[in-house]
Amino acid sequence: MRLVTWRGIEEFLAVVETGSFTGGAESLGVSKSYVSKMVSELEARVGAQLLQRTTRRLSLTAAGDLFHQRCQEMRSSLLDVERQLAQFQERPVGRLRVGLSDVFGVVFMSAIAADFGAKHPEISMEVVAYLREAELAQEQFDVIIRYGRLNDSNLKARLFGYLSYCLCASPDYVARHGWPDSPADLASHLCLTDLGGHFLFHDDETATSRAKLTGAWKSNSGIALATAARHGLGIAQIPISVIREDLVEGRLLALDREWAFYDKEVWAVFSPGMMPAATRAFIDHLAMSFEHRKLRPWMEPAMTALEAHLRGRQ
């Protein structure tokens, strides 16, 4: 199959529009001999004479007239495509594919995405939930929400908030077993953990420690861990965004100790290169959603009810 190329076409169009090889060369800022060479190569490539050359005038052949019309149409289409593509850089339009982790539940982040979609009706949103980051290919998404420390230094990313975890349990479990006084005391409790059997804690502002725990109930899903906690199976470390309604309605209680909360970074990760306006607007929307919140931004509106529960136990 012959490779389609634009080589020589711009020179051909310039000659036709100016009426001469000299005029075409001047309009393009190149030499007359170069234009003549490009047009001759073009005629050889298409297998037809396009221009009738005489010492007094230049005219299109029948084949040249048809070719000229089609080339004008193609150039017009190309300019139209360029104008449309420019819109992607100038204003939020087109398709936006977003990847959200289903491990921590997608309700909170989906609400933010839906709010963005409502404000930008010209953007077609595709929100894909994932369980494992290995399932994702960055080039297939405009933005992926990732959690924790980013190991790939080649990724383009923007920190826009924190996923805040708390230690939680059912009122029945707390009534029977009480709360631990420190991370070390968790060893004497029933713990509902991730598949690795870990809870995470802040040693200081920059360091994180992992507590290795043994338990009879593990899951890679925050929703599944919340379900087990509601059934009184033990203490779980779950993002507040997953259990906000449970905290509000009292199905779960949270341990009100500073050491019991853990904040994991939330990143908007995007591909390198020129960023479309829709992607830029979505990332800005994420950042604005957490503009005045430092730690535990996912608590609202559960915070008021949670504090009431905690005060009631004191």
C-alpha atoms as a PDB file:
ATOM      1  CA  MET A   1       0.000   0.000   0.000  1.00  0.00           C
ATOM      2  CA  ARG A   2       1.368   3.410  -1.003  1.00  0.00           C
ATOM      3  CA  LEU A   3       2.152   5.765   1.882  1.00  0.00           C
ATOM      4  CA  VAL A   4       0.058   8.937   1.721  1.00  0.00           C
ATOM      5  CA  THR A   5       2.150  12.100   2.122  1.00  0.00           C
ATOM      6  CA  TRP A   6       1.529  15.844   1.877  1.00  0.00           C
ATOM      7  CA  ARG A   7       4.973  16.385   0.322  1.00  0.00           C
ATOM      8  CA  GLY A   8       4.695  18.653  -2.720  1.00  0.00           C
ATOM      9  CA  ILE A   9       1.009  19.469  -2.266  1.00  0.00           C
ATOM     10  CA  GLU A  10       1.561  22.777  -0.472  1.00  0.00           C
ATOM     11  CA  GLU A  11       3.910  23.840  -3.260  1.00  0.00           C
ATOM     12  CA  PHE A  12       1.358  22.774  -5.901  1.00  0.00           C
ATOM     13  CA  LEU A  13      -1.404  24.766  -4.196  1.00  0.00           C
ATOM     14  CA  ALA A  14       0.828  27.829  -3.915  1.00  0.00           C
ATOM     15  CA  VAL A  15       1.628  27.708  -7.641  1.00  0.00           C
ATOM     16  CA  VAL A  16      -2.047  27.439  -8.583  1.00  0.00           C
ATOM     17  CA  GLU A  17      -3.122  30.202  -6.182  1.00  0.00           C
ATOM     18  CA  THR A  18      -0.444  32.673  -7.365  1.00  0.00           C
ATOM     19  CA  GLY A  19      -0.545  31.638 -11.017  1.00  0.00           C
ATOM     20  CA  SER A  20       3.185  30.942 -11.392  1.00  0.00           C
ATOM     21  CA  PHE A  21       6.131  29.046  -9.980  1.00  0.00           C
ATOM     22  CA  THR A  22       7.794  32.349  -9.139  1.00  0.00           C
ATOM     23  CA  GLY A  23       4.771  33.582  -7.208  1.00  0.00           C
ATOM     24  CA  GLY A  24       4.391  30.251  -5.434  1.00  0.00           C
ATOM     25  CA  ALA A  25       8.046  30.306  -4.377  1.00  0.00           C
ATOM     26  CA  GLU A  26       7.752  33.867  -3.064  1.00  0.00           C
ATOM     27  CA  SER A  27       4.625  33.051  -1.032  1.00  0.00           C
ATOM     28  CA  LEU A  28       6.346  30.099   0.600  1.00  0.00           C
ATOM     29  CA  GLY A  29       9.701  31.813   1.059  1.00  0.00           C
ATOM     30  CA  VAL A  30      11.643  29.211  -0.937  1.00  0.00           C
ATOM     31  CA  SER A  31      13.401  29.091  -4.273  1.00  0.00           C
ATOM     32  CA  LYS A  32      11.613  28.662  -7.615  1.00  0.00           C
ATOM     33  CA  SER A  33      13.745  25.610  -8.414  1.00  0.00           C
ATOM     34  CA  TYR A  34      12.683  23.947  -5.151  1.00  0.00           C
ATOM     35  CA  VAL A  35       8.989  24.502  -5.929  1.00  0.00           C
ATOM     36  CA  SER A  36       9.445  23.150  -9.459  1.00  0.00           C
ATOM     37  CA  LYS A  37      11.192  20.067  -8.089  1.00  0.00           C
ATOM     38  CA  MET A  38       8.449  19.408  -5.496  1.00  0.00           C
ATOM     39  CA  VAL A  39       5.658  19.709  -8.079  1.00  0.00           C
ATOM     40  CA  SER A  40       7.489  17.422 -10.512  1.00  0.00           C
ATOM     41  CA  GLU A  41       7.957  14.805  -7.765  1.00  0.00           C
ATOM     42  CA  LEU A  42       4.271  15.140  -6.891  1.00  0.00           C
ATOM     43  CA  GLU A  43       3.216  14.518 -10.498  1.00  0.00           C
ATOM     44  CA  ALA A  44       5.478  11.475 -10.677  1.00  0.00           C
ATOM     45  CA  ARG A  45       4.037  10.139  -7.407  1.00  0.00           C
ATOM     46  CA  VAL A  46       0.377  10.481  -8.444  1.00  0.00           C
ATOM     47  CA  GLY A  47       1.114   9.318 -11.974  1.00  0.00           C
ATOM     48  CA  ALA A  48      -0.518  12.257 -13.776  1.00  0.00           C
ATOM     49  CA  GLN A  49       0.406  15.668 -15.192  1.00  0.00           C
ATOM     50  CA  LEU A  50      -1.232  18.317 -13.038  1.00  0.00           C
ATOM     51  CA  LEU A  51      -0.004  21.548 -14.648  1.00  0.00           C
ATOM     52  CA  GLN A  52       0.227  22.570 -18.289  1.00  0.00           C
ATOM     53  CA  ARG A  53       3.377  24.672 -18.618  1.00  0.00           C
ATOM     54  CA  THR A  54       4.052  27.055 -21.502  1.00  0.00           C
ATOM     55  CA  THR A  55       6.310  30.060 -21.784  1.00  0.00           C
ATOM     56  CA  ARG A  56       3.303  32.403 -21.640  1.00  0.00           C
ATOM     57  CA  ARG A  57       0.875  30.814 -19.189  1.00  0.00           C
ATOM     58  CA  LEU A  58       0.323  28.117 -16.597  1.00  0.00           C
ATOM     59  CA  SER A  59      -2.911  26.148 -16.431  1.00  0.00           C
ATOM     60  CA  LEU A  60      -4.380  23.095 -14.754  1.00  0.00           C
ATOM     61  CA  THR A  61      -4.931  19.882 -16.657  1.00  0.00           C
ATOM     62  CA  ALA A  62      -8.196  17.995 -16.150  1.00  0.00           C
ATOM     63  CA  ALA A  63      -6.436  15.738 -13.650  1.00  0.00           C
ATOM     64  CA  GLY A  64      -4.846  18.801 -12.047  1.00  0.00           C
ATOM     65  CA  ASP A  65      -8.211  20.526 -11.661  1.00  0.00           C
ATOM     66  CA  LEU A  66      -9.694  17.496  -9.852  1.00  0.00           C
ATOM     67  CA  PHE A  67      -6.566  17.116  -7.710  1.00  0.00           C
ATOM     68  CA  HIS A  68      -6.621  20.829  -6.850  1.00  0.00           C
ATOM     69  CA  GLN A  69     -10.235  20.673  -5.664  1.00  0.00           C
ATOM     70  CA  ARG A  70      -9.579  17.652  -3.472  1.00  0.00           C
ATOM     71  CA  CYS A  71      -6.410  19.172  -1.999  1.00  0.00           C
ATOM     72  CA  GLN A  72      -8.281  22.363  -1.129  1.00  0.00           C
ATOM     73  CA  GLU A  73     -10.932  20.265   0.635  1.00  0.00           C
ATOM     74  CA  MET A  74      -8.254  18.351   2.545  1.00  0.00           C
ATOM     75  CA  ARG A  75      -6.469  21.542   3.581  1.00  0.00           C
ATOM     76  CA  SER A  76      -9.758  23.036   4.732  1.00  0.00           C
ATOM     77  CA  SER A  77     -10.476  19.875   6.743  1.00  0.00           C
ATOM     78  CA  LEU A  78      -6.988  19.988   8.243  1.00  0.00           C
ATOM     79  CA  LEU A  79      -7.438  23.614   9.300  1.00  0.00           C
ATOM     80  CA  ASP A  80     -10.804  22.736  10.824  1.00  0.00           C
ATOM     81  CA  VAL A  81      -9.236  19.863  12.789  1.00  0.00           C
ATOM     82  CA  GLU A  82      -6.483  22.190  14.008  1.00  0.00           C
ATOM     83  CA  ARG A  83      -9.107  24.669  15.205  1.00  0.00           C
ATOM     84  CA  GLN A  84     -10.991  21.907  16.997  1.00  0.00           C
ATOM     85  CA  LEU A  85      -7.797  20.604  18.621  1.00  0.00           C
ATOM     86  CA  ALA A  86      -6.954  24.109  19.761  1.00  0.00           C
ATOM     87  CA  GLN A  87     -10.224  24.125  21.678  1.00  0.00           C
ATOM     88  CA  PHE A  88      -8.969  21.181  23.757  1.00  0.00           C
ATOM     89  CA  GLN A  89      -6.121  23.398  24.949  1.00  0.00           C
ATOM     90  CA  GLU A  90      -8.194  26.574  25.324  1.00  0.00           C
ATOM     91  CA  ARG A  91     -11.383  25.385  27.064  1.00  0.00           C
ATOM     92  CA  PRO A  92     -12.646  22.202  28.773  1.00  0.00           C
ATOM     93  CA  VAL A  93     -14.238  20.104  26.022  1.00  0.00           C
ATOM     94  CA  GLY A  94     -14.064  16.518  24.764  1.00  0.00           C
ATOM     95  CA  ARG A  95     -13.653  13.240  26.634  1.00  0.00           C
ATOM     96  CA  LEU A  96     -12.071  12.813  30.064  1.00  0.00           C
ATOM     97  CA  ARG A  97     -11.176   9.329  31.359  1.00  0.00           C
ATOM     98  CA  VAL A  98     -10.598   9.087  35.119  1.00  0.00           C
ATOM     99  CA  GLY A  99      -9.438   6.053  37.115  1.00  0.00           C
ATOM    100  CA  LEU A 100     -10.651   5.748  40.732  1.00  0.00           C
ATOM    101  CA  SER A 101      -9.549   3.125  43.242  1.00  0.00           C
ATOM    102  CA  ASP A 102     -12.376   0.814  44.313  1.00  0.00           C
ATOM    103  CA  VAL A 103     -10.255  -0.503  47.205  1.00  0.00           C
ATOM    104  CA  PHE A 104     -11.201   2.563  49.236  1.00  0.00           C
ATOM    105  CA  GLY A 105     -14.682   2.990  47.766  1.00  0.00           C
ATOM    106  CA  VAL A 106     -15.533   5.398  44.996  1.00  0.00           C
ATOM    107  CA  VAL A 107     -18.511   7.235  46.501  1.00  0.00           C
ATOM    108  CA  PHE A 108     -16.620  10.318  47.688  1.00  0.00           C
ATOM    109  CA  MET A 109     -14.403  10.735  44.627  1.00  0.00           C
ATOM    110  CA  SER A 110     -17.277   9.908  42.276  1.00  0.00           C
ATOM    111  CA  ALA A 111     -19.261  12.731  43.854  1.00  0.00           C
ATOM    112  CA  ILE A 112     -16.402  15.141  43.109  1.00  0.00           C
ATOM    113  CA  ALA A 113     -16.207  13.864  39.520  1.00  0.00           C
ATOM    114  CA  ALA A 114     -19.982  14.193  39.135  1.00  0.00           C
ATOM    115  CA  ASP A 115     -19.879  17.756  40.448  1.00  0.00           C
ATOM    116  CA  PHE A 116     -17.173  18.564  37.903  1.00  0.00           C
ATOM    117  CA  GLY A 117     -19.235  16.971  35.116  1.00  0.00           C
ATOM    118  CA  ALA A 118     -22.265  19.046  36.069  1.00  0.00           C
ATOM    119  CA  LYS A 119     -20.193  22.225  35.773  1.00  0.00           C
ATOM    120  CA  HIS A 120     -18.708  21.195  32.406  1.00  0.00           C
ATOM    121  CA  PRO A 121     -21.474  19.719  30.215  1.00  0.00           C
ATOM    122  CA  GLU A 122     -19.223  19.827  27.126  1.00  0.00           C
ATOM    123  CA  ILE A 123     -16.972  17.169  28.687  1.00  0.00           C
ATOM    124  CA  SER A 124     -17.854  13.498  28.284  1.00  0.00           C
ATOM    125  CA  MET A 125     -16.783  11.741  31.504  1.00  0.00           C
ATOM    126  CA  GLU A 126     -15.655   8.108  31.753  1.00  0.00           C
ATOM    127  CA  VAL A 127     -15.022   7.075  35.383  1.00  0.00           C
ATOM    128  CA  VAL A 128     -13.416   3.650  35.767  1.00  0.00           C
ATOM    129  CA  ALA A 129     -13.080   1.910  39.146  1.00  0.00           C
ATOM    130  CA  TYR A 130     -10.077  -0.347  39.727  1.00  0.00           C
ATOM    131  CA  LEU A 131      -8.967  -2.733  42.477  1.00  0.00           C
ATOM    132  CA  ARG A 132      -5.272  -3.022  41.653  1.00  0.00           C
ATOM    133  CA  GLU A 133      -3.072  -0.279  40.232  1.00  0.00           C
ATOM    134  CA  ALA A 134      -1.338  -2.933  38.123  1.00  0.00           C
ATOM    135  CA  GLU A 135      -4.584  -3.164  36.155  1.00  0.00           C
ATOM    136  CA  LEU A 136      -4.118   0.368  34.876  1.00  0.00           C
ATOM    137  CA  ALA A 137      -2.130   1.631  31.928  1.00  0.00           C
ATOM    138  CA  GLN A 138      -1.473   5.333  32.456  1.00  0.00           C
ATOM    139  CA  GLU A 139      -1.706   6.109  28.751  1.00  0.00           C
ATOM    140  CA  GLN A 140      -5.308   4.852  28.707  1.00  0.00           C
ATOM    141  CA  PHE A 141      -6.433   7.526  31.188  1.00  0.00           C
ATOM    142  CA  ASP A 142      -6.284  11.287  31.373  1.00  0.00           C
ATOM    143  CA  VAL A 143      -6.148  11.260  35.182  1.00  0.00           C
ATOM    144  CA  ILE A 144      -5.683   8.432  37.685  1.00  0.00           C
ATOM    145  CA  ILE A 145      -6.227   8.963  41.397  1.00  0.00           C
ATOM    146  CA  ARG A 146      -3.411   7.201  43.258  1.00  0.00           C
ATOM    147  CA  TYR A 147      -2.756   6.879  46.974  1.00  0.00           C
ATOM    148  CA  GLY A 148       0.377   6.908  49.088  1.00  0.00           C
ATOM    149  CA  ARG A 149       3.959   7.350  48.001  1.00  0.00           C
ATOM    150  CA  LEU A 150       4.577   7.322  44.251  1.00  0.00           C
ATOM    151  CA  ASN A 151       7.424   5.028  43.291  1.00  0.00           C
ATOM    152  CA  ASP A 152       7.620   6.025  39.605  1.00  0.00           C
ATOM    153  CA  SER A 153       9.531   9.299  39.430  1.00  0.00           C
ATOM    154  CA  ASN A 154       8.643   9.659  35.737  1.00  0.00           C
ATOM    155  CA  LEU A 155       4.974  10.205  36.512  1.00  0.00           C
ATOM    156  CA  LYS A 156       3.500  13.674  36.395  1.00  0.00           C
ATOM    157  CA  ALA A 157       1.458  14.157  39.558  1.00  0.00           C
ATOM    158  CA  ARG A 158      -0.177  16.758  41.761  1.00  0.00           C
ATOM    159  CA  LEU A 159      -0.889  16.265  45.459  1.00  0.00           C
ATOM    160  CA  PHE A 160      -4.372  17.544  46.186  1.00  0.00           C
ATOM    161  CA  GLY A 161      -5.430  15.977  49.489  1.00  0.00           C
ATOM    162  CA  TYR A 162      -5.205  13.110  51.961  1.00  0.00           C
ATOM    163  CA  LEU A 163      -7.066   9.851  52.403  1.00  0.00           C
ATOM    164  CA  SER A 164      -7.589   9.737  56.158  1.00  0.00           C
ATOM    165  CA  TYR A 165      -7.857   6.409  57.954  1.00  0.00           C
ATOM    166  CA  CYS A 166      -9.246   5.802  61.404  1.00  0.00           C
ATOM    167  CA  LEU A 167      -9.384   2.798  63.711  1.00  0.00           C
ATOM    168  CA  CYS A 168     -13.015   1.797  63.945  1.00  0.00           C
ATOM    169  CA  ALA A 169     -15.166  -0.931  65.427  1.00  0.00           C
ATOM    170  CA  SER A 170     -18.806  -1.624  66.161  1.00  0.00           C
ATOM    171  CA  PRO A 171     -20.334  -0.354  69.432  1.00  0.00           C
ATOM    172  CA  ASP A 172     -20.821  -3.987  70.456  1.00  0.00           C
ATOM    173  CA  TYR A 173     -17.125  -4.809  69.967  1.00  0.00           C
ATOM    174  CA  VAL A 174     -16.033  -1.721  71.924  1.00  0.00           C
ATOM    175  CA  ALA A 175     -18.438  -2.597  74.749  1.00  0.00           C
ATOM    176  CA  ARG A 176     -16.988  -6.133  74.958  1.00  0.00           C
ATOM    177  CA  HIS A 177     -13.280  -5.456  74.376  1.00  0.00           C
ATOM    178  CA  GLY A 178     -12.656  -1.731  74.829  1.00  0.00           C
ATOM    179  CA  TRP A 179     -10.095   0.264  72.828  1.00  0.00           C
ATOM    180  CA  PRO A 180      -6.318  -0.224  72.620  1.00  0.00           C
ATOM    181  CA  ASP A 181      -4.162   2.404  74.357  1.00  0.00           C
ATOM    182  CA  SER A 182      -1.356   2.241  71.790  1.00  0.00           C
ATOM    183  CA  PRO A 183      -0.424   0.493  68.539  1.00  0.00           C
ATOM    184  CA  ALA A 184       1.303  -2.212  70.605  1.00  0.00           C
ATOM    185  CA  ASP A 185      -1.999  -3.001  72.377  1.00  0.00           C
ATOM    186  CA  LEU A 186      -3.558  -4.000  69.039  1.00  0.00           C
ATOM    187  CA  ALA A 187      -1.809  -7.361  69.404  1.00  0.00           C
ATOM    188  CA  SER A 188      -4.372  -8.310  72.054  1.00  0.00           C
ATOM    189  CA  HIS A 189      -7.345  -7.339  69.883  1.00  0.00           C
ATOM    190  CA  LEU A 190      -9.154  -8.916  66.958  1.00  0.00           C
ATOM    191  CA  CYS A 191      -7.964  -6.966  63.946  1.00  0.00           C
ATOM    192  CA  LEU A 192      -9.424  -6.757  60.464  1.00  0.00           C
ATOM    193  CA  THR A 193      -6.536  -6.020  58.105  1.00  0.00           C
ATOM    194  CA  ASP A 194      -5.518  -5.788  54.485  1.00  0.00           C
ATOM    195  CA  LEU A 195      -4.177  -8.933  52.821  1.00  0.00           C
ATOM    196  CA  GLY A 196      -0.688  -8.170  54.126  1.00  0.00           C
ATOM    197  CA  GLY A 197      -1.919  -8.069  57.721  1.00  0.00           C
ATOM    198  CA  HIS A 198      -0.807  -4.471  58.359  1.00  0.00           C
ATOM    199  CA  PHE A 199      -2.024  -1.269  59.983  1.00  0.00           C
ATOM    200  CA  LEU A 200      -0.150   1.954  59.212  1.00  0.00           C
ATOM    201  CA  PHE A 201       0.827   4.668  61.707  1.00  0.00           C
ATOM    202  CA  HIS A 202       2.684   7.980  61.649  1.00  0.00           C
ATOM    203  CA  ASP A 203       5.952   7.915  63.593  1.00  0.00           C
ATOM    204  CA  ASP A 204       6.390  11.633  62.874  1.00  0.00           C
ATOM    205  CA  GLU A 205       5.542  14.040  60.055  1.00  0.00           C
ATOM    206  CA  THR A 206       7.685  12.210  57.510  1.00  0.00           C
ATOM    207  CA  ALA A 207       8.019   8.595  58.705  1.00  0.00           C
ATOM    208  CA  THR A 208       5.490   5.778  58.613  1.00  0.00           C
ATOM    209  CA  SER A 209       5.560   2.492  60.494  1.00  0.00           C
ATOM    210  CA  ARG A 210       3.742  -0.744  59.761  1.00  0.00           C
ATOM    211  CA  ALA A 211       2.243  -2.811  62.557  1.00  0.00           C
ATOM    212  CA  LYS A 212       2.154  -6.492  61.621  1.00  0.00           C
ATOM    213  CA  LEU A 213      -0.997  -8.041  63.061  1.00  0.00           C
ATOM    214  CA  THR A 214      -2.560 -11.462  63.065  1.00  0.00           C
ATOM    215  CA  GLY A 215      -6.239 -11.775  62.429  1.00  0.00           C
ATOM    216  CA  ALA A 216      -8.825 -14.193  61.105  1.00  0.00           C
ATOM    217  CA  TRP A 217     -10.382 -11.683  58.694  1.00  0.00           C
ATOM    218  CA  LYS A 218      -8.521  -9.951  55.860  1.00  0.00           C
ATOM    219  CA  SER A 219      -9.552  -8.173  52.683  1.00  0.00           C
ATOM    220  CA  ASN A 220      -8.176  -5.898  49.981  1.00  0.00           C
ATOM    221  CA  SER A 221     -11.445  -3.938  49.986  1.00  0.00           C
ATOM    222  CA  GLY A 222     -12.273  -1.145  52.412  1.00  0.00           C
ATOM    223  CA  ILE A 223     -15.969  -1.846  51.861  1.00  0.00           C
ATOM    224  CA  ALA A 224     -15.539  -5.502  52.849  1.00  0.00           C
ATOM    225  CA  LEU A 225     -13.542  -4.534  55.953  1.00  0.00           C
ATOM    226  CA  ALA A 226     -16.248  -2.052  56.939  1.00  0.00           C
ATOM    227  CA  THR A 227     -18.877  -4.777  56.612  1.00  0.00           C
ATOM    228  CA  ALA A 228     -16.881  -7.089  58.874  1.00  0.00           C
ATOM    229  CA  ALA A 229     -16.382  -4.290  61.413  1.00  0.00           C
ATOM    230  CA  ARG A 230     -20.120  -3.567  61.472  1.00  0.00           C
ATOM    231  CA  HIS A 231     -20.682  -7.243  62.335  1.00  0.00           C
ATOM    232  CA  GLY A 232     -18.467  -6.889  65.407  1.00  0.00           C
ATOM    233  CA  LEU A 233     -15.595  -9.030  64.096  1.00  0.00           C
ATOM    234  CA  GLY A 234     -12.880  -6.658  65.304  1.00  0.00           C
ATOM    235  CA  ILE A 235     -11.045  -3.361  64.823  1.00  0.00           C
ATOM    236  CA  ALA A 236     -10.406  -2.185  61.278  1.00  0.00           C
ATOM    237  CA  GLN A 237      -8.297   0.599  59.810  1.00  0.00           C
ATOM    238  CA  ILE A 238     -10.508   2.088  57.103  1.00  0.00           C
ATOM    239  CA  PRO A 239     -10.642   5.368  55.194  1.00  0.00           C
ATOM    240  CA  ILE A 240     -13.184   7.709  56.737  1.00  0.00           C
ATOM    241  CA  SER A 241     -14.582   8.334  53.262  1.00  0.00           C
ATOM    242  CA  VAL A 242     -15.732   4.692  53.148  1.00  0.00           C
ATOM    243  CA  ILE A 243     -17.506   4.694  56.519  1.00  0.00           C
ATOM    244  CA  ARG A 244     -18.770   8.276  56.843  1.00  0.00           C
ATOM    245  CA  GLU A 245     -22.428   7.158  56.945  1.00  0.00           C
ATOM    246  CA  ASP A 246     -21.624   4.419  59.469  1.00  0.00           C
ATOM    247  CA  LEU A 247     -20.013   7.045  61.725  1.00  0.00           C
ATOM    248  CA  VAL A 248     -22.905   9.451  61.331  1.00  0.00           C
ATOM    249  CA  GLU A 249     -25.526   6.809  62.103  1.00  0.00           C
ATOM    250  CA  GLY A 250     -23.541   5.105  64.882  1.00  0.00           C
ATOM    251  CA  ARG A 251     -23.069   1.699  63.270  1.00  0.00           C
ATOM    252  CA  LEU A 252     -19.315   2.179  63.747  1.00  0.00           C
ATOM    253  CA  LEU A 253     -17.273   4.136  66.297  1.00  0.00           C
ATOM    254  CA  ALA A 254     -13.834   5.672  65.749  1.00  0.00           C
ATOM    255  CA  LEU A 255     -11.019   5.719  68.300  1.00  0.00           C
ATOM    256  CA  ASP A 256     -10.400   9.366  69.226  1.00  0.00           C
ATOM    257  CA  ARG A 257      -6.631   9.242  69.713  1.00  0.00           C
ATOM    258  CA  GLU A 258      -4.149  11.153  67.591  1.00  0.00           C
ATOM    259  CA  TRP A 259      -2.036   8.055  66.971  1.00  0.00           C
ATOM    260  CA  ALA A 260      -5.114   6.159  65.702  1.00  0.00           C
ATOM    261  CA  PHE A 261      -5.455   8.307  62.570  1.00  0.00           C
ATOM    262  CA  TYR A 262      -3.321   7.835  59.478  1.00  0.00           C
ATOM    263  CA  ASP A 263      -3.265  10.185  56.481  1.00  0.00           C
ATOM    264  CA  LYS A 264      -2.230   8.856  53.082  1.00  0.00           C
ATOM    265  CA  GLU A 265      -1.417  11.223  50.218  1.00  0.00           C
ATOM    266  CA  VAL A 266      -3.876  11.410  47.329  1.00  0.00           C
ATOM    267  CA  TRP A 267      -2.384  12.239  43.936  1.00  0.00           C
ATOM    268  CA  ALA A 268      -3.828  13.171  40.584  1.00  0.00           C
ATOM    269  CA  VAL A 269      -1.489  11.406  38.140  1.00  0.00           C
ATOM    270  CA  PHE A 270      -1.460  12.350  34.474  1.00  0.00           C
ATOM    271  CA  SER A 271       0.604  11.698  31.375  1.00  0.00           C
ATOM    272  CA  PRO A 272       3.517  13.988  30.455  1.00  0.00           C
ATOM    273  CA  GLY A 273       3.245  16.381  27.546  1.00  0.00           C
ATOM    274  CA  MET A 274       0.736  19.079  26.694  1.00  0.00           C
ATOM    275  CA  MET A 275      -2.210  18.917  29.078  1.00  0.00           C
ATOM    276  CA  PRO A 276      -5.682  19.370  27.556  1.00  0.00           C
ATOM    277  CA  ALA A 277      -7.856  22.033  29.153  1.00  0.00           C
ATOM    278  CA  ALA A 278     -10.330  19.388  30.360  1.00  0.00           C
ATOM    279  CA  THR A 279      -7.601  17.555  32.286  1.00  0.00           C
ATOM    280  CA  ARG A 280      -6.229  20.785  33.713  1.00  0.00           C
ATOM    281  CA  ALA A 281      -9.709  21.904  34.786  1.00  0.00           C
ATOM    282  CA  PHE A 282     -10.436  18.568  36.494  1.00  0.00           C
ATOM    283  CA  ILE A 283      -7.178  18.618  38.458  1.00  0.00           C
ATOM    284  CA  ASP A 284      -7.855  22.212  39.493  1.00  0.00           C
ATOM    285  CA  HIS A 285     -11.340  21.130  40.588  1.00  0.00           C
ATOM    286  CA  LEU A 286      -9.831  18.393  42.757  1.00  0.00           C
ATOM    287  CA  ALA A 287      -7.433  20.848  44.357  1.00  0.00           C
ATOM    288  CA  MET A 288     -10.161  23.417  45.000  1.00  0.00           C
ATOM    289  CA  SER A 289     -12.278  20.757  46.703  1.00  0.00           C
ATOM    290  CA  PHE A 290      -9.554  20.490  49.378  1.00  0.00           C
ATOM    291  CA  GLU A 291      -8.124  24.009  49.197  1.00  0.00           C
ATOM    292  CA  HIS A 292      -8.542  24.862  52.875  1.00  0.00           C
ATOM    293  CA  ARG A 293      -8.110  21.376  54.318  1.00  0.00           C
ATOM    294  CA  LYS A 294      -4.787  20.044  55.558  1.00  0.00           C
ATOM    295  CA  LEU A 295      -5.355  16.670  57.246  1.00  0.00           C
ATOM    296  CA  ARG A 296      -8.453  14.472  57.355  1.00  0.00           C
ATOM    297  CA  PRO A 297     -10.364  16.322  54.654  1.00  0.00           C
ATOM    298  CA  TRP A 298     -12.712  13.377  54.185  1.00  0.00           C
ATOM    299  CA  MET A 299     -14.343  13.774  57.611  1.00  0.00           C
ATOM    300  CA  GLU A 300     -16.943  16.391  56.698  1.00  0.00           C
ATOM    301  CA  PRO A 301     -19.901  16.134  57.184  1.00  0.00           C
ATOM    302  CA  ALA A 302     -19.310  13.102  59.415  1.00  0.00           C
ATOM    303  CA  MET A 303     -17.091  15.044  61.829  1.00  0.00           C
ATOM    304  CA  THR A 304     -19.886  16.652  63.841  1.00  0.00           C
ATOM    305  CA  ALA A 305     -21.693  13.373  64.425  1.00  0.00           C
ATOM    306  CA  LEU A 306     -18.419  11.556  65.108  1.00  0.00           C
ATOM    307  CA  GLU A 307     -17.431  14.077  67.767  1.00  0.00           C
ATOM    308  CA  ALA A 308     -20.849  13.683  69.372  1.00  0.00           C
ATOM    309  CA  HIS A 309     -20.373   9.896  69.554  1.00  0.00           C
ATOM    310  CA  LEU A 310     -16.943  10.310  71.069  1.00  0.00           C
ATOM    311  CA  ARG A 311     -18.122  12.819  73.686  1.00  0.00           C
ATOM    312  CA  GLY A 312     -20.945  10.447  74.622  1.00  0.00           C
ATOM    313  CA  ARG A 313     -18.422   7.739  75.563  1.00  0.00           C
ATOM    314  CA  GLN A 314     -16.316   9.973  77.819  1.00  0.00           C
END
